Amino acid sequence: MERGEIDVIDAFATALDSGDTSELRGCLDGRSLVHMPGGSGLGGDYQGMDAIVGLVDRLREESGQTLRFTSRCVSAGPGHAVHLRGAVSGQRLDRALRTPASLELRVVRGTIREVRLVCDDQRAWDAFWR
């Protein structure tokens, strides 16, 4: 993996945790794609910088700025594949969320090209967002 790719992965993880949308925008482009799992109404694909930043803004707003993805482990595979392992946590209305989760990333030429969120407890994720 190239040094620029490591930097963009670190910046992306930091931006997700802090909610820094300018930092987040610097990691994405019009071809970036985020796959959200589940049946909570958030599930689906979000393509392009504006759609992804809008999703992150919505997640943070609806959780009162409490939603966090804290990564603890990073592994890389062939084809610019990266796996960030950690936890998703937050508060929303009368609900709390804390579940181990992963972000599976594909990085192309220093840009996050594709992201897939994988929650260990998908039911908890869906219930949190209903």
C-alpha atoms as a PDB file:
ATOM      1  CA  MET A   1       0.000   0.000   0.000  1.00  0.00           C
ATOM      2  CA  GLU A   2       1.308   3.458  -0.895  1.00  0.00           C
ATOM      3  CA  ARG A   3       1.917   6.073   1.782  1.00  0.00           C
ATOM      4  CA  GLY A   4      -0.790   8.340   0.297  1.00  0.00           C
ATOM      5  CA  GLU A   5      -3.325   5.547   0.699  1.00  0.00           C
ATOM      6  CA  ILE A   6      -2.427   5.081   4.357  1.00  0.00           C
ATOM      7  CA  ASP A   7      -2.831   8.826   4.895  1.00  0.00           C
ATOM      8  CA  VAL A   8      -6.283   8.909   3.262  1.00  0.00           C
ATOM      9  CA  ILE A   9      -7.444   5.913   5.323  1.00  0.00           C
ATOM     10  CA  ASP A  10      -6.278   7.594   8.515  1.00  0.00           C
ATOM     11  CA  ALA A  11      -7.905  10.900   7.510  1.00  0.00           C
ATOM     12  CA  PHE A  12     -11.161   9.098   6.621  1.00  0.00           C
ATOM     13  CA  ALA A  13     -11.328   7.260   9.962  1.00  0.00           C
ATOM     14  CA  THR A  14     -10.526  10.463  11.857  1.00  0.00           C
ATOM     15  CA  ALA A  15     -13.140  12.444   9.911  1.00  0.00           C
ATOM     16  CA  LEU A  16     -15.819   9.826  10.595  1.00  0.00           C
ATOM     17  CA  ASP A  17     -15.085   9.896  14.319  1.00  0.00           C
ATOM     18  CA  SER A  18     -14.886  13.686  14.572  1.00  0.00           C
ATOM     19  CA  GLY A  19     -17.566  14.625  12.042  1.00  0.00           C
ATOM     20  CA  ASP A  20     -15.124  16.894  10.198  1.00  0.00           C
ATOM     21  CA  THR A  21     -16.863  17.144   6.827  1.00  0.00           C
ATOM     22  CA  SER A  22     -14.080  19.127   5.153  1.00  0.00           C
ATOM     23  CA  GLU A  23     -11.627  16.354   6.036  1.00  0.00           C
ATOM     24  CA  LEU A  24     -14.152  13.781   4.851  1.00  0.00           C
ATOM     25  CA  ARG A  25     -14.591  15.567   1.510  1.00  0.00           C
ATOM     26  CA  GLY A  26     -10.833  15.432   1.012  1.00  0.00           C
ATOM     27  CA  CYS A  27     -10.987  11.623   1.059  1.00  0.00           C
ATOM     28  CA  LEU A  28     -13.809  11.261  -1.484  1.00  0.00           C
ATOM     29  CA  ASP A  29     -14.742  12.105  -5.040  1.00  0.00           C
ATOM     30  CA  GLY A  30     -17.759  11.783  -7.336  1.00  0.00           C
ATOM     31  CA  ARG A  31     -17.153   8.047  -7.824  1.00  0.00           C
ATOM     32  CA  SER A  32     -16.927   7.202  -4.126  1.00  0.00           C
ATOM     33  CA  LEU A  33     -19.613   4.789  -2.962  1.00  0.00           C
ATOM     34  CA  VAL A  34     -20.876   3.836   0.507  1.00  0.00           C
ATOM     35  CA  HIS A  35     -22.969   0.727   1.080  1.00  0.00           C
ATOM     36  CA  MET A  36     -25.188   0.945   4.177  1.00  0.00           C
ATOM     37  CA  PRO A  37     -26.726  -2.307   5.397  1.00  0.00           C
ATOM     38  CA  GLY A  38     -30.041  -3.074   6.938  1.00  0.00           C
ATOM     39  CA  GLY A  39     -33.677  -2.199   6.938  1.00  0.00           C
ATOM     40  CA  SER A  40     -33.736   0.976   8.992  1.00  0.00           C
ATOM     41  CA  GLY A  41     -34.462   3.385   6.169  1.00  0.00           C
ATOM     42  CA  LEU A  42     -30.781   4.275   5.931  1.00  0.00           C
ATOM     43  CA  GLY A  43     -29.926   1.121   4.012  1.00  0.00           C
ATOM     44  CA  GLY A  44     -28.773   1.489   0.445  1.00  0.00           C
ATOM     45  CA  ASP A  45     -25.984   2.940  -1.630  1.00  0.00           C
ATOM     46  CA  TYR A  46     -24.743   6.516  -1.425  1.00  0.00           C
ATOM     47  CA  GLN A  47     -22.691   7.665  -4.423  1.00  0.00           C
ATOM     48  CA  GLY A  48     -20.526  10.739  -4.628  1.00  0.00           C
ATOM     49  CA  MET A  49     -19.030  13.156  -2.188  1.00  0.00           C
ATOM     50  CA  ASP A  50     -22.197  15.163  -1.522  1.00  0.00           C
ATOM     51  CA  ALA A  51     -24.371  12.093  -0.908  1.00  0.00           C
ATOM     52  CA  ILE A  52     -21.833  10.544   1.453  1.00  0.00           C
ATOM     53  CA  VAL A  53     -21.185  13.744   3.383  1.00  0.00           C
ATOM     54  CA  GLY A  54     -24.970  14.223   3.584  1.00  0.00           C
ATOM     55  CA  LEU A  55     -25.332  10.728   5.033  1.00  0.00           C
ATOM     56  CA  VAL A  56     -22.632  11.342   7.636  1.00  0.00           C
ATOM     57  CA  ASP A  57     -24.215  14.700   8.541  1.00  0.00           C
ATOM     58  CA  ARG A  58     -27.608  13.008   8.918  1.00  0.00           C
ATOM     59  CA  LEU A  59     -26.192  10.228  11.102  1.00  0.00           C
ATOM     60  CA  ARG A  60     -24.457  12.716  13.361  1.00  0.00           C
ATOM     61  CA  GLU A  61     -27.435  15.110  13.506  1.00  0.00           C
ATOM     62  CA  GLU A  62     -29.978  12.395  14.303  1.00  0.00           C
ATOM     63  CA  SER A  63     -27.716  11.041  17.035  1.00  0.00           C
ATOM     64  CA  GLY A  64     -27.167  14.439  18.629  1.00  0.00           C
ATOM     65  CA  GLN A  65     -23.530  14.396  17.434  1.00  0.00           C
ATOM     66  CA  THR A  66     -22.873  11.247  19.505  1.00  0.00           C
ATOM     67  CA  LEU A  67     -22.401   8.668  16.756  1.00  0.00           C
ATOM     68  CA  ARG A  68     -18.812   7.454  16.556  1.00  0.00           C
ATOM     69  CA  PHE A  69     -16.898   4.801  14.690  1.00  0.00           C
ATOM     70  CA  THR A  70     -13.772   4.101  16.678  1.00  0.00           C
ATOM     71  CA  SER A  71     -11.307   1.877  14.858  1.00  0.00           C
ATOM     72  CA  ARG A  72      -8.926  -0.297  16.787  1.00  0.00           C
ATOM     73  CA  CYS A  73      -7.381  -2.499  14.138  1.00  0.00           C
ATOM     74  CA  VAL A  74      -6.431  -2.008  10.521  1.00  0.00           C
ATOM     75  CA  SER A  75      -5.595  -4.751   8.067  1.00  0.00           C
ATOM     76  CA  ALA A  76      -4.899  -4.537   4.367  1.00  0.00           C
ATOM     77  CA  GLY A  77      -5.319  -7.040   1.604  1.00  0.00           C
ATOM     78  CA  PRO A  78      -4.740  -7.290  -2.116  1.00  0.00           C
ATOM     79  CA  GLY A  79      -6.270  -4.811  -4.516  1.00  0.00           C
ATOM     80  CA  HIS A  80      -6.142  -1.852  -2.139  1.00  0.00           C
ATOM     81  CA  ALA A  81      -8.635  -3.474   0.261  1.00  0.00           C
ATOM     82  CA  VAL A  82      -8.575  -2.237   3.855  1.00  0.00           C
ATOM     83  CA  HIS A  83     -10.479  -3.493   6.846  1.00  0.00           C
ATOM     84  CA  LEU A  84     -10.994  -1.127   9.805  1.00  0.00           C
ATOM     85  CA  ARG A  85     -12.240  -3.040  12.847  1.00  0.00           C
ATOM     86  CA  GLY A  86     -13.718  -1.236  15.815  1.00  0.00           C
ATOM     87  CA  ALA A  87     -17.055  -0.221  17.274  1.00  0.00           C
ATOM     88  CA  VAL A  88     -20.007   1.996  16.458  1.00  0.00           C
ATOM     89  CA  SER A  89     -21.605   3.810  19.375  1.00  0.00           C
ATOM     90  CA  GLY A  90     -24.089   6.594  19.935  1.00  0.00           C
ATOM     91  CA  GLN A  91     -27.214   7.888  21.662  1.00  0.00           C
ATOM     92  CA  ARG A  92     -30.504   8.661  19.956  1.00  0.00           C
ATOM     93  CA  LEU A  93     -33.794   9.521  21.620  1.00  0.00           C
ATOM     94  CA  ASP A  94     -34.082   6.915  24.368  1.00  0.00           C
ATOM     95  CA  ARG A  95     -31.784   4.431  22.613  1.00  0.00           C
ATOM     96  CA  ALA A  96     -28.128   3.607  22.980  1.00  0.00           C
ATOM     97  CA  LEU A  97     -25.998   1.822  20.425  1.00  0.00           C
ATOM     98  CA  ARG A  98     -22.738   0.005  20.944  1.00  0.00           C
ATOM     99  CA  THR A  99     -21.782  -2.782  18.582  1.00  0.00           C
ATOM    100  CA  PRO A 100     -18.557  -4.092  17.172  1.00  0.00           C
ATOM    101  CA  ALA A 101     -18.347  -3.150  13.514  1.00  0.00           C
ATOM    102  CA  SER A 102     -16.076  -3.001  10.510  1.00  0.00           C
ATOM    103  CA  LEU A 103     -15.563  -0.659   7.627  1.00  0.00           C
ATOM    104  CA  GLU A 104     -14.386  -2.454   4.539  1.00  0.00           C
ATOM    105  CA  LEU A 105     -12.692   0.072   2.263  1.00  0.00           C
ATOM    106  CA  ARG A 106     -11.273   0.081  -1.221  1.00  0.00           C
ATOM    107  CA  VAL A 107      -8.799   2.850  -1.959  1.00  0.00           C
ATOM    108  CA  VAL A 108      -7.846   3.902  -5.486  1.00  0.00           C
ATOM    109  CA  ARG A 109      -5.096   6.454  -6.124  1.00  0.00           C
ATOM    110  CA  GLY A 110      -5.423   8.118  -2.743  1.00  0.00           C
ATOM    111  CA  THR A 111      -9.241   8.300  -2.777  1.00  0.00           C
ATOM    112  CA  ILE A 112     -11.779   6.225  -0.880  1.00  0.00           C
ATOM    113  CA  ARG A 113     -13.575   4.503  -3.729  1.00  0.00           C
ATOM    114  CA  GLU A 114     -15.886   2.128  -1.862  1.00  0.00           C
ATOM    115  CA  VAL A 115     -16.964   1.597   1.759  1.00  0.00           C
ATOM    116  CA  ARG A 116     -19.134  -1.111   3.262  1.00  0.00           C
ATOM    117  CA  LEU A 117     -20.310  -0.889   6.876  1.00  0.00           C
ATOM    118  CA  VAL A 118     -20.624  -4.275   8.554  1.00  0.00           C
ATOM    119  CA  CYS A 119     -22.193  -4.289  12.025  1.00  0.00           C
ATOM    120  CA  ASP A 120     -21.828  -7.392  14.181  1.00  0.00           C
ATOM    121  CA  ASP A 121     -25.280  -6.697  15.593  1.00  0.00           C
ATOM    122  CA  GLN A 122     -27.307  -5.579  12.572  1.00  0.00           C
ATOM    123  CA  ARG A 123     -30.550  -5.731  14.569  1.00  0.00           C
ATOM    124  CA  ALA A 124     -29.189  -3.240  17.097  1.00  0.00           C
ATOM    125  CA  TRP A 125     -28.109  -0.907  14.274  1.00  0.00           C
ATOM    126  CA  ASP A 126     -31.549  -1.088  12.617  1.00  0.00           C
ATOM    127  CA  ALA A 127     -33.412  -0.606  15.918  1.00  0.00           C
ATOM    128  CA  PHE A 128     -31.261   2.418  16.759  1.00  0.00           C
ATOM    129  CA  TRP A 129     -32.234   4.184  13.505  1.00  0.00           C
ATOM    130  CA  ARG A 130     -35.974   3.388  13.502  1.00  0.00           C
END
